[in-house]
N, C-alpha and C. Protein backbone atom coordinates (compact mmCIF):
# COMPACT_ATOMS: atom_id res chain seq x y z
N MET A 1 11.16 -30.60 47.39
CA MET A 1 11.95 -29.84 45.75
C MET A 1 13.64 -30.08 45.89
N ALA A 2 14.00 -31.18 45.26
CA ALA A 2 15.38 -31.48 45.42
C ALA A 2 16.12 -29.80 44.61
N LEU A 3 17.41 -29.74 45.64
CA LEU A 3 18.27 -28.78 45.37
C LEU A 3 18.37 -28.06 44.14
N GLY A 4 18.43 -27.19 43.86
CA GLY A 4 18.57 -26.93 42.30
C GLY A 4 17.58 -26.58 41.48
N LYS A 5 16.57 -27.42 41.70
CA LYS A 5 15.29 -27.52 41.00
C LYS A 5 14.75 -26.36 41.16
N ARG A 6 13.92 -26.30 40.32
CA ARG A 6 12.59 -24.84 40.28
C ARG A 6 11.55 -24.90 39.19
N LYS A 7 10.86 -25.83 39.48
CA LYS A 7 10.17 -26.52 38.60
C LYS A 7 8.85 -25.30 38.54
N HIS A 8 8.48 -23.99 39.15
CA HIS A 8 7.95 -23.14 39.19
C HIS A 8 8.59 -22.34 38.34
N ARG A 9 9.74 -22.51 37.61
CA ARG A 9 10.28 -21.45 36.77
C ARG A 9 9.39 -21.34 35.56
N ARG A 10 9.30 -19.69 34.65
CA ARG A 10 8.82 -19.66 33.70
C ARG A 10 9.97 -20.12 32.90
N ARG A 11 10.09 -21.18 31.85
CA ARG A 11 10.65 -21.28 30.79
C ARG A 11 10.59 -22.71 29.75
N THR A 12 10.27 -22.22 28.38
CA THR A 12 10.34 -22.75 27.53
C THR A 12 11.23 -23.30 26.99
N ARG A 13 10.49 -24.87 26.55
CA ARG A 13 11.84 -26.06 26.15
C ARG A 13 11.20 -26.31 24.95
N GLU A 14 11.99 -26.27 23.57
CA GLU A 14 11.63 -26.81 22.59
C GLU A 14 12.51 -28.05 21.88
N GLU A 15 11.32 -28.55 21.20
CA GLU A 15 11.85 -29.75 21.16
C GLU A 15 12.79 -30.01 19.45
N LEU A 16 14.24 -29.76 19.40
CA LEU A 16 15.10 -29.60 18.37
C LEU A 16 14.71 -30.96 17.14
N PRO A 17 14.42 -30.77 16.37
CA PRO A 17 14.39 -31.78 15.21
C PRO A 17 15.50 -32.80 14.74
N ILE A 18 15.34 -33.75 15.05
CA ILE A 18 16.76 -34.84 14.85
C ILE A 18 16.43 -35.47 13.59
N PRO A 19 17.82 -35.57 12.54
CA PRO A 19 17.64 -36.02 11.31
C PRO A 19 17.02 -37.27 11.30
N GLY A 20 15.95 -37.74 10.44
CA GLY A 20 15.51 -39.23 10.26
C GLY A 20 14.39 -39.78 11.07
N VAL A 21 13.97 -38.17 12.19
CA VAL A 21 12.96 -38.57 13.33
C VAL A 21 11.83 -37.38 12.85
N GLU A 22 10.63 -37.99 13.01
CA GLU A 22 9.89 -36.83 12.35
C GLU A 22 9.67 -35.85 13.40
N SER A 23 9.00 -34.44 12.62
CA SER A 23 9.64 -33.42 13.77
C SER A 23 8.23 -33.24 14.41
N HIS A 24 8.24 -32.51 15.74
CA HIS A 24 6.40 -32.39 16.45
C HIS A 24 6.95 -30.82 16.67
N GLU A 25 5.73 -30.35 17.08
CA GLU A 25 5.29 -28.95 17.39
C GLU A 25 6.33 -28.65 18.88
N HIS A 26 6.84 -27.38 18.88
CA HIS A 26 7.65 -27.38 20.42
C HIS A 26 6.50 -27.58 21.43
N THR A 27 7.07 -27.97 22.48
CA THR A 27 6.30 -28.46 23.80
C THR A 27 7.01 -26.80 24.51
N GLN A 28 5.56 -26.58 25.65
CA GLN A 28 5.88 -25.84 26.78
C GLN A 28 5.71 -26.61 28.43
N GLU A 29 6.53 -26.58 28.83
CA GLU A 29 6.21 -27.25 30.38
C GLU A 29 5.44 -26.11 31.09
N PRO A 30 4.17 -26.65 31.99
CA PRO A 30 3.60 -25.75 32.67
C PRO A 30 4.25 -24.85 33.29
N THR A 31 3.67 -23.85 33.64
CA THR A 31 5.00 -22.64 34.31
C THR A 31 3.59 -22.08 35.28
N PHE A 32 3.98 -21.50 36.50
CA PHE A 32 3.56 -20.98 37.54
C PHE A 32 4.25 -20.21 38.54
N GLY A 33 3.82 -19.42 39.52
CA GLY A 33 4.90 -18.13 40.35
C GLY A 33 4.84 -19.06 41.30
N PRO A 34 5.54 -18.23 42.13
CA PRO A 34 5.95 -17.17 42.11
C PRO A 34 6.80 -16.81 41.25
N TRP A 35 6.96 -15.66 40.86
CA TRP A 35 8.16 -15.16 39.74
C TRP A 35 8.91 -14.27 40.44
N ASP A 36 10.38 -14.46 39.37
CA ASP A 36 11.34 -13.65 39.44
C ASP A 36 11.22 -12.66 38.93
N LEU A 37 11.30 -11.22 39.26
CA LEU A 37 11.33 -9.91 37.99
C LEU A 37 11.25 -10.06 36.82
N ALA A 38 12.56 -11.04 36.22
CA ALA A 38 12.73 -11.14 35.05
C ALA A 38 11.66 -12.19 34.10
N ASP A 39 10.87 -12.66 35.04
CA ASP A 39 10.15 -13.99 34.41
C ASP A 39 8.94 -12.91 34.64
N ALA A 40 8.38 -11.61 35.28
CA ALA A 40 7.06 -11.46 35.50
C ALA A 40 6.28 -11.61 34.43
N PRO A 41 4.72 -12.02 34.66
CA PRO A 41 4.24 -11.83 33.56
C PRO A 41 3.34 -10.27 33.76
N GLU A 42 3.08 -10.21 32.54
CA GLU A 42 2.12 -9.09 32.69
C GLU A 42 0.78 -9.03 32.29
N ASP A 43 0.06 -9.36 33.78
CA ASP A 43 -1.11 -9.92 33.88
C ASP A 43 -1.97 -8.42 34.01
N GLY A 44 -1.25 -7.55 34.74
CA GLY A 44 -2.23 -6.42 35.09
C GLY A 44 -2.61 -6.31 36.35
N ARG A 45 -2.74 -7.48 37.45
CA ARG A 45 -2.73 -7.86 38.31
C ARG A 45 -1.82 -6.88 39.69
N GLU A 46 -2.74 -6.25 40.34
CA GLU A 46 -2.38 -4.85 41.52
C GLU A 46 -1.72 -5.82 41.95
N ARG A 47 -0.60 -5.29 42.64
CA ARG A 47 0.31 -5.73 43.69
C ARG A 47 1.05 -4.84 44.42
N ILE A 48 1.20 -5.06 45.73
CA ILE A 48 1.90 -4.30 46.51
C ILE A 48 3.17 -4.15 46.56
N ASP A 49 3.93 -2.50 46.15
CA ASP A 49 5.37 -2.93 46.32
C ASP A 49 6.05 -2.68 47.71
N LEU A 50 6.68 -4.09 48.60
CA LEU A 50 7.22 -3.75 49.21
C LEU A 50 9.06 -3.58 49.53
N GLY A 51 9.25 -3.50 47.91
CA GLY A 51 10.73 -3.56 47.60
C GLY A 51 11.03 -5.03 47.22
N ALA A 52 11.42 -5.85 48.00
CA ALA A 52 11.91 -6.91 47.35
C ALA A 52 10.76 -8.40 47.03
N LEU A 53 9.51 -7.79 47.56
CA LEU A 53 8.33 -8.93 47.48
C LEU A 53 7.12 -7.55 46.64
N ARG A 54 6.45 -7.85 45.52
CA ARG A 54 5.10 -7.05 45.30
C ARG A 54 4.19 -8.26 45.45
N VAL A 55 3.42 -7.99 46.43
CA VAL A 55 2.53 -8.54 47.11
C VAL A 55 0.82 -8.10 46.57
N PRO A 56 0.06 -9.18 45.93
CA PRO A 56 -1.34 -9.18 45.58
C PRO A 56 -1.65 -9.67 46.59
N PRO A 57 -2.70 -8.59 47.43
CA PRO A 57 -3.35 -9.02 48.25
C PRO A 57 -4.76 -9.40 47.94
N PRO A 58 -5.53 -10.58 48.38
CA PRO A 58 -6.33 -11.70 47.92
C PRO A 58 -8.08 -10.86 48.50
N PRO A 59 -9.36 -10.69 47.52
CA PRO A 59 -10.31 -10.17 48.55
C PRO A 59 -10.47 -10.86 49.73
N GLY A 60 -10.50 -9.99 50.82
CA GLY A 60 -10.89 -10.58 51.86
C GLY A 60 -9.73 -10.26 52.96
N PHE A 61 -8.58 -10.20 52.57
CA PHE A 61 -7.60 -10.29 53.34
C PHE A 61 -6.79 -9.28 53.28
N ASP A 62 -6.36 -8.76 54.27
CA ASP A 62 -5.67 -7.42 54.73
C ASP A 62 -3.94 -8.42 54.49
N LEU A 63 -3.26 -6.77 53.80
CA LEU A 63 -1.82 -6.92 53.80
C LEU A 63 -1.42 -6.24 55.03
N ARG A 64 -0.89 -6.79 56.32
CA ARG A 64 -0.23 -6.39 57.47
C ARG A 64 1.35 -6.42 57.02
N VAL A 65 2.31 -5.15 57.32
CA VAL A 65 3.23 -4.95 57.62
C VAL A 65 3.97 -4.85 58.96
N GLU A 66 4.77 -5.58 59.98
CA GLU A 66 5.28 -5.40 60.73
C GLU A 66 6.49 -4.21 60.63
N VAL A 67 6.58 -2.99 61.53
CA VAL A 67 7.83 -2.22 61.37
C VAL A 67 8.53 -2.10 62.55
N SER A 68 9.76 -2.41 62.27
CA SER A 68 10.74 -2.07 63.38
C SER A 68 10.61 -0.46 63.99
N PRO A 69 10.98 -0.09 65.45
CA PRO A 69 11.14 0.89 65.96
C PRO A 69 11.90 1.70 64.90
N GLU A 70 12.85 1.44 64.05
CA GLU A 70 13.76 2.17 63.60
C GLU A 70 12.86 2.54 61.97
N GLY A 71 11.67 2.12 61.66
CA GLY A 71 10.51 2.22 61.01
C GLY A 71 10.91 1.01 59.69
N GLN A 72 11.98 0.45 59.80
CA GLN A 72 12.11 -1.02 58.78
C GLN A 72 11.20 -2.29 58.72
N VAL A 73 10.63 -2.52 57.66
CA VAL A 73 9.55 -3.37 57.56
C VAL A 73 10.47 -4.90 57.78
N VAL A 74 9.89 -5.59 58.90
CA VAL A 74 10.92 -6.88 58.86
C VAL A 74 9.65 -7.99 58.81
N ALA A 75 8.29 -7.54 58.32
CA ALA A 75 7.51 -9.15 58.03
C ALA A 75 6.39 -8.31 56.95
N ALA A 76 5.83 -9.40 56.35
CA ALA A 76 4.60 -9.19 55.64
C ALA A 76 3.66 -10.17 55.80
N THR A 77 2.70 -10.24 56.20
CA THR A 77 1.62 -11.17 56.16
C THR A 77 0.07 -10.93 55.74
N LEU A 78 -0.49 -11.64 54.81
CA LEU A 78 -1.86 -11.45 54.41
C LEU A 78 -2.81 -12.23 55.30
N ALA A 79 -3.70 -11.26 56.08
CA ALA A 79 -4.62 -12.01 57.15
C ALA A 79 -5.75 -11.93 56.97
N SER A 80 -6.72 -12.54 57.42
CA SER A 80 -8.26 -12.93 57.70
C SER A 80 -8.91 -13.32 58.58
N PRO A 81 -9.94 -13.65 58.89
CA PRO A 81 -10.33 -14.18 60.29
C PRO A 81 -10.18 -15.72 59.75
N ARG A 82 -10.33 -16.52 59.06
CA ARG A 82 -9.42 -17.74 58.80
C ARG A 82 -8.46 -18.38 58.79
N GLY A 83 -7.39 -17.05 59.40
CA GLY A 83 -6.00 -17.56 59.39
C GLY A 83 -5.00 -16.12 58.11
N GLU A 84 -3.94 -16.53 58.44
CA GLU A 84 -2.95 -15.73 58.09
C GLU A 84 -1.85 -16.51 56.83
N MET A 85 -1.03 -15.96 56.61
CA MET A 85 0.10 -16.04 55.61
C MET A 85 1.29 -15.35 55.73
N GLN A 86 2.28 -15.82 56.33
CA GLN A 86 3.37 -14.85 56.58
C GLN A 86 3.99 -15.17 55.48
N LEU A 87 4.86 -14.17 54.76
CA LEU A 87 6.20 -14.18 53.26
C LEU A 87 6.86 -13.76 54.08
N GLY A 88 8.22 -13.99 53.92
CA GLY A 88 9.74 -13.91 54.08
C GLY A 88 10.52 -14.54 52.72
N VAL A 89 11.40 -13.49 52.76
CA VAL A 89 12.60 -13.59 51.64
C VAL A 89 13.85 -13.32 51.63
N PHE A 90 14.49 -14.79 50.86
CA PHE A 90 15.98 -14.57 51.43
C PHE A 90 16.83 -14.69 50.16
N ALA A 91 17.96 -14.15 50.86
CA ALA A 91 19.65 -14.78 49.51
C ALA A 91 19.47 -15.87 49.62
N ALA A 92 19.87 -16.34 48.38
CA ALA A 92 20.08 -17.75 48.03
C ALA A 92 21.24 -18.02 46.87
N PRO A 93 22.00 -19.26 47.14
CA PRO A 93 23.17 -19.16 46.32
C PRO A 93 22.44 -19.04 44.66
N ARG A 94 23.47 -18.93 43.80
CA ARG A 94 23.06 -18.96 42.70
C ARG A 94 23.39 -20.45 41.85
N SER A 95 23.72 -21.60 42.47
CA SER A 95 23.66 -22.82 41.64
C SER A 95 22.59 -23.66 42.30
N ALA A 96 22.75 -23.27 43.67
CA ALA A 96 21.34 -24.30 44.32
C ALA A 96 20.36 -23.91 45.05
N GLY A 97 19.16 -24.38 45.41
CA GLY A 97 18.16 -24.04 46.18
C GLY A 97 18.60 -24.31 47.84
N ILE A 98 18.00 -23.90 48.73
CA ILE A 98 18.30 -24.00 50.16
C ILE A 98 17.00 -25.06 50.88
N TRP A 99 16.11 -24.74 50.13
CA TRP A 99 14.59 -25.13 50.78
C TRP A 99 14.73 -27.01 51.38
N ASP A 100 15.94 -27.56 50.92
CA ASP A 100 15.63 -28.66 51.68
C ASP A 100 16.03 -28.67 52.62
N GLU A 101 17.58 -28.08 52.82
CA GLU A 101 17.95 -27.70 54.35
C GLU A 101 17.00 -26.90 55.20
N VAL A 102 16.61 -26.08 54.72
CA VAL A 102 15.87 -25.09 55.78
C VAL A 102 14.36 -26.06 56.03
N ARG A 103 14.16 -26.91 55.51
CA ARG A 103 12.70 -27.74 55.75
C ARG A 103 13.38 -28.78 56.98
N ALA A 104 14.37 -28.99 56.96
CA ALA A 104 15.17 -30.06 57.95
C ALA A 104 15.32 -29.10 59.20
N GLU A 105 15.68 -27.88 59.03
CA GLU A 105 15.91 -27.08 60.38
C GLU A 105 14.43 -26.67 60.91
N ILE A 106 13.41 -26.39 60.30
CA ILE A 106 12.53 -26.24 60.65
C ILE A 106 11.79 -27.20 61.26
N LYS A 107 11.74 -28.28 60.78
CA LYS A 107 11.07 -29.49 61.47
C LYS A 107 11.64 -29.89 62.77
N ALA A 108 13.42 -29.64 63.04
CA ALA A 108 13.70 -29.91 64.02
C ALA A 108 13.43 -28.52 65.14
N THR A 109 13.78 -27.43 64.55
CA THR A 109 13.11 -26.33 65.73
C THR A 109 11.96 -26.55 66.18
N VAL A 110 10.74 -26.71 65.16
CA VAL A 110 9.38 -27.36 65.80
C VAL A 110 9.49 -28.23 66.96
N ARG A 111 10.10 -28.97 66.32
CA ARG A 111 9.96 -30.42 67.39
C ARG A 111 10.72 -30.20 68.78
N SER A 112 11.73 -29.42 69.02
CA SER A 112 12.42 -29.26 70.14
C SER A 112 11.70 -28.05 71.18
N GLU A 113 10.40 -27.62 70.16
CA GLU A 113 9.71 -26.25 70.81
C GLU A 113 8.63 -27.19 71.55
N GLY A 114 7.90 -28.52 71.19
CA GLY A 114 7.02 -29.11 71.88
C GLY A 114 6.12 -29.19 70.36
N GLY A 115 6.36 -28.90 69.37
CA GLY A 115 5.63 -28.76 67.94
C GLY A 115 5.46 -29.84 67.61
N THR A 116 5.07 -30.35 66.17
CA THR A 116 5.05 -31.65 65.31
C THR A 116 4.82 -31.29 64.13
N LEU A 117 5.40 -31.71 62.97
CA LEU A 117 5.55 -31.23 61.65
C LEU A 117 5.65 -32.45 60.84
N THR A 118 4.94 -32.66 59.94
CA THR A 118 5.26 -34.02 59.20
C THR A 118 5.55 -33.69 57.58
N GLU A 119 6.12 -33.90 56.75
CA GLU A 119 6.48 -33.68 55.26
C GLU A 119 5.43 -34.19 54.76
N GLN A 120 4.96 -33.41 53.49
CA GLN A 120 4.05 -33.90 52.45
C GLN A 120 4.30 -33.35 50.87
N SER A 121 3.86 -33.65 50.05
CA SER A 121 3.96 -33.19 49.08
C SER A 121 2.71 -32.13 48.63
N GLY A 122 2.77 -30.90 48.32
CA GLY A 122 1.77 -29.94 48.19
C GLY A 122 1.99 -29.13 46.71
N SER A 123 1.01 -28.48 46.88
CA SER A 123 0.98 -27.75 45.67
C SER A 123 2.19 -26.87 44.98
N PHE A 124 3.34 -26.73 45.92
CA PHE A 124 4.11 -25.96 45.66
C PHE A 124 5.64 -26.86 46.12
N GLY A 125 5.51 -28.19 45.92
CA GLY A 125 6.13 -29.19 46.00
C GLY A 125 6.32 -29.96 47.74
N PRO A 126 7.66 -29.99 47.97
CA PRO A 126 7.56 -30.51 49.73
C PRO A 126 6.90 -29.64 50.38
N GLU A 127 6.49 -29.97 51.33
CA GLU A 127 5.98 -28.67 52.73
C GLU A 127 5.85 -29.69 53.70
N LEU A 128 5.76 -28.61 54.97
CA LEU A 128 5.63 -29.40 56.27
C LEU A 128 4.41 -28.91 56.72
N THR A 129 3.24 -29.76 57.65
CA THR A 129 2.20 -29.36 58.15
C THR A 129 1.89 -30.28 59.70
N GLY A 130 1.39 -29.57 60.45
CA GLY A 130 1.63 -29.80 61.65
C GLY A 130 0.65 -29.00 62.83
N ARG A 131 1.34 -29.27 63.41
CA ARG A 131 1.09 -28.31 65.16
C ARG A 131 2.06 -27.10 65.55
N VAL A 132 2.23 -25.84 65.71
CA VAL A 132 3.48 -25.08 66.25
C VAL A 132 2.98 -24.54 66.98
N PRO A 133 3.83 -24.29 68.32
CA PRO A 133 3.18 -23.28 69.45
C PRO A 133 3.32 -21.90 69.12
N MET A 134 2.10 -21.67 69.89
CA MET A 134 2.09 -20.20 69.45
C MET A 134 1.43 -19.19 71.23
N PRO A 135 1.87 -18.15 70.92
CA PRO A 135 1.59 -17.21 72.18
C PRO A 135 0.48 -17.97 72.81
N ASN A 136 -0.72 -18.15 72.16
CA ASN A 136 -2.34 -18.35 72.62
C ASN A 136 -2.32 -20.13 72.46
N GLY A 137 -1.27 -20.79 72.31
CA GLY A 137 -1.11 -22.17 72.22
C GLY A 137 -1.09 -22.75 71.33
N PRO A 138 -0.89 -23.86 70.76
CA PRO A 138 -0.98 -24.85 69.58
C PRO A 138 -1.72 -24.52 68.37
N ALA A 139 -1.13 -24.19 67.37
CA ALA A 139 -2.27 -23.76 66.31
C ALA A 139 -1.37 -24.21 64.95
N SER A 140 -2.39 -24.76 64.24
CA SER A 140 -2.38 -25.45 62.85
C SER A 140 -1.54 -24.65 61.82
N ALA A 141 -0.14 -25.57 61.60
CA ALA A 141 0.59 -24.78 60.29
C ALA A 141 0.87 -25.43 59.41
N ARG A 142 1.64 -24.77 58.48
CA ARG A 142 1.84 -25.28 57.06
C ARG A 142 2.96 -24.58 56.34
N PHE A 143 4.07 -25.04 56.18
CA PHE A 143 5.31 -24.30 55.77
C PHE A 143 5.63 -24.19 54.52
N VAL A 144 5.59 -23.87 53.35
CA VAL A 144 5.78 -23.74 52.25
C VAL A 144 6.90 -23.02 51.30
N GLY A 145 7.90 -23.30 50.88
CA GLY A 145 9.32 -23.01 50.73
C GLY A 145 9.29 -22.87 48.86
N VAL A 146 9.86 -22.15 48.40
CA VAL A 146 10.15 -21.80 46.87
C VAL A 146 11.91 -21.17 46.53
N ASP A 147 12.34 -22.14 46.08
CA ASP A 147 13.48 -21.72 45.53
C ASP A 147 13.39 -21.26 44.02
N GLY A 148 13.99 -19.70 44.33
CA GLY A 148 14.15 -18.96 42.74
C GLY A 148 15.83 -18.94 42.54
N PRO A 149 15.64 -18.20 41.45
CA PRO A 149 17.51 -17.51 40.78
C PRO A 149 17.74 -16.38 42.10
N ARG A 150 18.72 -16.89 42.78
CA ARG A 150 19.57 -16.36 44.13
C ARG A 150 18.52 -15.81 45.33
N TRP A 151 17.51 -16.39 45.35
CA TRP A 151 16.22 -16.34 46.15
C TRP A 151 15.59 -17.36 46.78
N PHE A 152 15.11 -17.14 47.88
CA PHE A 152 14.37 -18.36 48.50
C PHE A 152 13.14 -17.80 49.21
N LEU A 153 11.80 -17.99 48.83
CA LEU A 153 10.56 -17.52 49.35
C LEU A 153 10.26 -18.18 50.10
N ARG A 154 9.86 -18.23 51.66
CA ARG A 154 9.21 -18.77 52.59
C ARG A 154 7.82 -18.46 53.02
N ALA A 155 6.79 -19.04 52.73
CA ALA A 155 5.46 -19.11 53.25
C ALA A 155 4.94 -19.76 54.30
N LEU A 156 4.45 -18.91 55.61
CA LEU A 156 4.02 -19.95 56.75
C LEU A 156 2.49 -19.55 56.72
N LEU A 157 1.35 -20.50 56.55
CA LEU A 157 0.44 -20.45 56.60
C LEU A 157 -0.49 -20.94 58.03
N ILE A 158 -1.15 -20.27 59.08
CA ILE A 158 -1.38 -20.43 60.53
C ILE A 158 -3.17 -20.55 60.45
N GLY A 159 -3.40 -21.24 61.00
CA GLY A 159 -4.73 -20.89 60.97
C GLY A 159 -5.65 -22.39 60.54
N PRO A 160 -7.12 -22.21 60.45
CA PRO A 160 -7.96 -22.88 59.41
C PRO A 160 -7.38 -22.67 57.86
N VAL A 161 -6.48 -21.63 57.21
CA VAL A 161 -5.62 -21.80 56.03
C VAL A 161 -5.04 -22.57 55.99
N ALA A 162 -4.31 -23.25 57.19
CA ALA A 162 -3.37 -24.23 56.96
C ALA A 162 -3.89 -25.69 56.67
N THR A 163 -4.96 -25.71 56.62
CA THR A 163 -5.40 -27.08 56.80
C THR A 163 -6.76 -27.50 55.78
N ASP A 164 -7.31 -26.21 55.36
CA ASP A 164 -8.47 -26.17 54.64
C ASP A 164 -8.14 -26.02 53.27
N PRO A 165 -8.43 -26.78 52.35
CA PRO A 165 -7.86 -26.17 50.70
C PRO A 165 -8.89 -25.09 50.13
N THR A 166 -10.08 -25.37 50.70
CA THR A 166 -10.78 -24.40 50.22
C THR A 166 -10.29 -23.01 50.42
N ALA A 167 -10.20 -23.21 52.24
CA ALA A 167 -9.93 -21.36 53.06
C ALA A 167 -8.39 -21.19 52.20
N ALA A 168 -7.44 -22.11 52.08
CA ALA A 168 -6.47 -21.67 51.78
C ALA A 168 -6.12 -21.20 50.35
N GLN A 169 -7.02 -21.71 49.40
CA GLN A 169 -6.85 -21.69 47.85
C GLN A 169 -6.63 -19.91 47.61
N PRO A 170 -7.25 -19.02 48.03
CA PRO A 170 -6.65 -17.37 47.86
C PRO A 170 -5.54 -16.86 48.19
N LEU A 171 -5.14 -17.78 48.75
CA LEU A 171 -3.35 -17.24 49.48
C LEU A 171 -2.59 -18.36 48.41
N GLU A 172 -3.11 -19.27 48.42
CA GLU A 172 -2.04 -20.23 47.04
C GLU A 172 -1.89 -18.91 45.91
N ASP A 173 -3.41 -18.85 45.12
CA ASP A 173 -3.25 -18.07 44.31
C ASP A 173 -2.48 -16.84 44.27
N ALA A 174 -2.54 -16.12 45.17
CA ALA A 174 -1.27 -14.88 45.68
C ALA A 174 -0.06 -15.39 45.64
N LEU A 175 0.37 -16.37 46.28
CA LEU A 175 1.77 -16.91 46.60
C LEU A 175 2.13 -17.12 44.67
N ARG A 176 1.45 -17.66 44.31
CA ARG A 176 2.09 -17.71 42.79
C ARG A 176 1.84 -16.53 42.12
N ALA A 177 1.14 -15.41 42.41
CA ALA A 177 1.14 -14.40 41.90
C ALA A 177 2.52 -13.47 42.23
N VAL A 178 2.69 -13.69 43.35
CA VAL A 178 4.21 -12.87 44.12
C VAL A 178 5.15 -12.76 43.16
N ILE A 179 5.90 -11.12 43.02
CA ILE A 179 7.06 -10.97 42.18
C ILE A 179 8.02 -11.08 43.50
N VAL A 180 9.20 -11.59 42.94
CA VAL A 180 10.30 -10.98 43.81
C VAL A 180 11.44 -10.43 43.51
N VAL A 181 11.75 -9.41 44.06
CA VAL A 181 12.99 -8.43 43.02
C VAL A 181 13.91 -8.76 43.57
N ARG A 182 15.27 -9.43 43.33
CA ARG A 182 16.26 -10.32 43.95
C ARG A 182 17.33 -8.61 44.18
N GLY A 183 17.47 -8.12 43.03
CA GLY A 183 18.40 -7.08 42.93
C GLY A 183 19.82 -7.88 42.79
N ASN A 184 20.66 -7.19 42.34
CA ASN A 184 22.22 -7.60 41.94
C ASN A 184 23.10 -7.33 42.83
N ASP A 185 22.85 -6.55 44.12
CA ASP A 185 23.93 -6.70 45.48
C ASP A 185 24.09 -8.19 45.63
N PRO A 186 25.60 -8.50 45.92
CA PRO A 186 26.00 -9.67 46.41
C PRO A 186 25.54 -10.00 48.43
N MET A 187 24.74 -10.76 48.73
CA MET A 187 24.04 -10.60 49.77
C MET A 187 24.75 -11.92 50.26
N PRO A 188 25.03 -12.17 51.75
CA PRO A 188 24.97 -13.35 52.21
C PRO A 188 23.86 -14.51 52.18
N VAL A 189 24.41 -15.89 51.97
CA VAL A 189 23.15 -16.66 51.83
C VAL A 189 21.93 -16.77 53.47
N ARG A 190 20.92 -16.80 53.12
CA ARG A 190 19.63 -16.42 54.01
C ARG A 190 19.76 -15.15 54.56
N GLU A 191 20.47 -14.33 54.06
CA GLU A 191 20.09 -12.76 54.56
C GLU A 191 18.61 -12.31 53.95
N ALA A 192 18.15 -11.85 55.20
CA ALA A 192 16.74 -11.61 54.59
C ALA A 192 17.12 -10.22 53.57
N LEU A 193 16.12 -10.60 52.12
CA LEU A 193 16.13 -9.13 51.59
C LEU A 193 15.29 -8.00 51.89
N PRO A 194 16.05 -6.78 51.69
CA PRO A 194 15.42 -5.40 52.31
C PRO A 194 13.53 -5.50 51.75
N LEU A 195 12.96 -5.12 52.57
CA LEU A 195 11.64 -4.87 52.28
C LEU A 195 11.32 -3.74 52.83
N ARG A 196 10.14 -2.81 52.24
CA ARG A 196 10.10 -1.40 52.74
C ARG A 196 8.19 -1.37 52.85
N LEU A 197 8.31 -0.24 53.20
CA LEU A 197 6.64 0.07 53.30
C LEU A 197 6.37 0.87 51.75
N PRO A 198 4.77 0.15 51.34
CA PRO A 198 4.34 1.08 50.25
C PRO A 198 4.66 2.27 50.14
N LYS A 199 4.50 3.04 49.46
CA LYS A 199 5.18 4.66 49.13
C LYS A 199 4.16 5.18 50.18
N ASP A 200 2.34 5.17 49.88
CA ASP A 200 1.68 6.10 50.59
C ASP A 200 1.33 5.92 52.12
N VAL A 201 2.15 4.64 51.89
CA VAL A 201 2.06 4.01 53.94
C VAL A 201 3.28 4.66 54.47
N ALA A 202 4.07 4.86 53.83
CA ALA A 202 5.47 5.58 54.03
C ALA A 202 5.28 7.20 54.63
N GLU A 203 4.29 8.20 53.48
CA GLU A 203 3.91 9.37 53.54
C GLU A 203 3.35 9.28 54.87
N GLN A 204 2.00 8.82 54.78
CA GLN A 204 1.34 8.57 56.31
C GLN A 204 1.93 8.75 57.35
N ILE A 205 3.17 7.82 57.94
CA ILE A 205 3.81 7.70 58.87
C ILE A 205 4.64 9.16 58.75
N ALA A 206 4.91 9.78 57.70
CA ALA A 206 5.90 10.94 57.62
C ALA A 206 5.29 12.10 58.47
N GLU A 207 3.57 12.09 57.91
CA GLU A 207 2.54 12.94 58.67
C GLU A 207 2.83 12.73 59.85
N GLN A 208 2.32 11.89 60.23
CA GLN A 208 2.23 11.41 61.98
C GLN A 208 3.51 11.74 62.39
N GLY A 209 4.41 11.87 61.72
CA GLY A 209 5.72 11.93 62.52
C GLY A 209 6.00 10.83 63.44
N ASP A 210 5.08 9.77 63.46
CA ASP A 210 5.53 8.48 64.58
C ASP A 210 5.25 7.24 63.88
N PRO A 211 6.43 6.68 63.82
CA PRO A 211 6.47 5.51 62.96
C PRO A 211 5.46 4.33 63.92
N SER A 212 5.92 4.28 65.16
CA SER A 212 4.98 3.53 65.45
C SER A 212 3.32 3.25 65.36
N PHE A 213 2.66 4.27 64.95
CA PHE A 213 1.10 4.37 65.17
C PHE A 213 0.78 3.48 63.76
N LEU A 214 1.66 3.05 62.81
CA LEU A 214 0.86 2.02 62.09
C LEU A 214 1.66 0.94 61.89
N GLU A 215 1.41 -0.13 62.87
CA GLU A 215 2.09 -1.32 62.81
C GLU A 215 1.56 -2.59 61.63
N GLN A 216 0.81 -2.14 61.30
CA GLN A 216 -0.24 -2.79 60.14
C GLN A 216 -0.44 -1.92 59.27
N HIS A 217 -0.57 -2.09 57.69
CA HIS A 217 -1.06 -1.68 56.43
C HIS A 217 -2.10 -2.54 56.19
N GLU A 218 -3.67 -2.16 56.08
CA GLU A 218 -4.58 -2.81 55.54
C GLU A 218 -4.67 -2.48 54.00
N ASN A 219 -4.85 -3.30 53.26
CA ASN A 219 -5.66 -2.90 51.84
C ASN A 219 -6.92 -2.93 51.58
N GLU A 220 -7.01 -1.75 50.84
CA GLU A 220 -8.39 -1.36 50.67
C GLU A 220 -9.04 -1.49 49.27
N GLU A 221 -9.81 -2.28 49.50
CA GLU A 221 -10.40 -2.42 47.80
C GLU A 221 -11.73 -2.42 47.87
């Protein structure tokens, strides 16, 4: 995905009539998410509000959030026995995307740690796939990046979902339905956008009086 290009954005392009040339009906480019809040569809889909991210867990997947000792949400993951997808969202420049440079940095970092990644074209544009070092040994991985208006969304698929298109389909559908709430506050480029616990989970923690009791929130459907 070239810098500044956001082919995932919802935008309508009309063909304006030119004198002396036969007019055509307006055309609309194919559109799909993930979505900026300003472009989010009113599809009635249930999403869990994590602040900067609104995430729709697909059937069979749990939405887990990692919480720091201070009670700050630091990561969100959709997980199942077939693997998981970790989501992170960051501030980005107004005029250009950052996936090109981030992709190169990820590839170099993984290589330095003994892993291997290759670039290929995927459902969301250029992606990285290969093997990455993990605490329990090397694992299949797939990095997806999406440049949005003043935000960058990164998804990391780990396990069989990284290589099996059928297993990955529910996660790809969920990623397309994610809504990013960037906010208007100025932020340094690449700084993580603030996440928070869902309201009901925060209330459970408050009742327990111990934020460490809940390191993950499982979606119940």
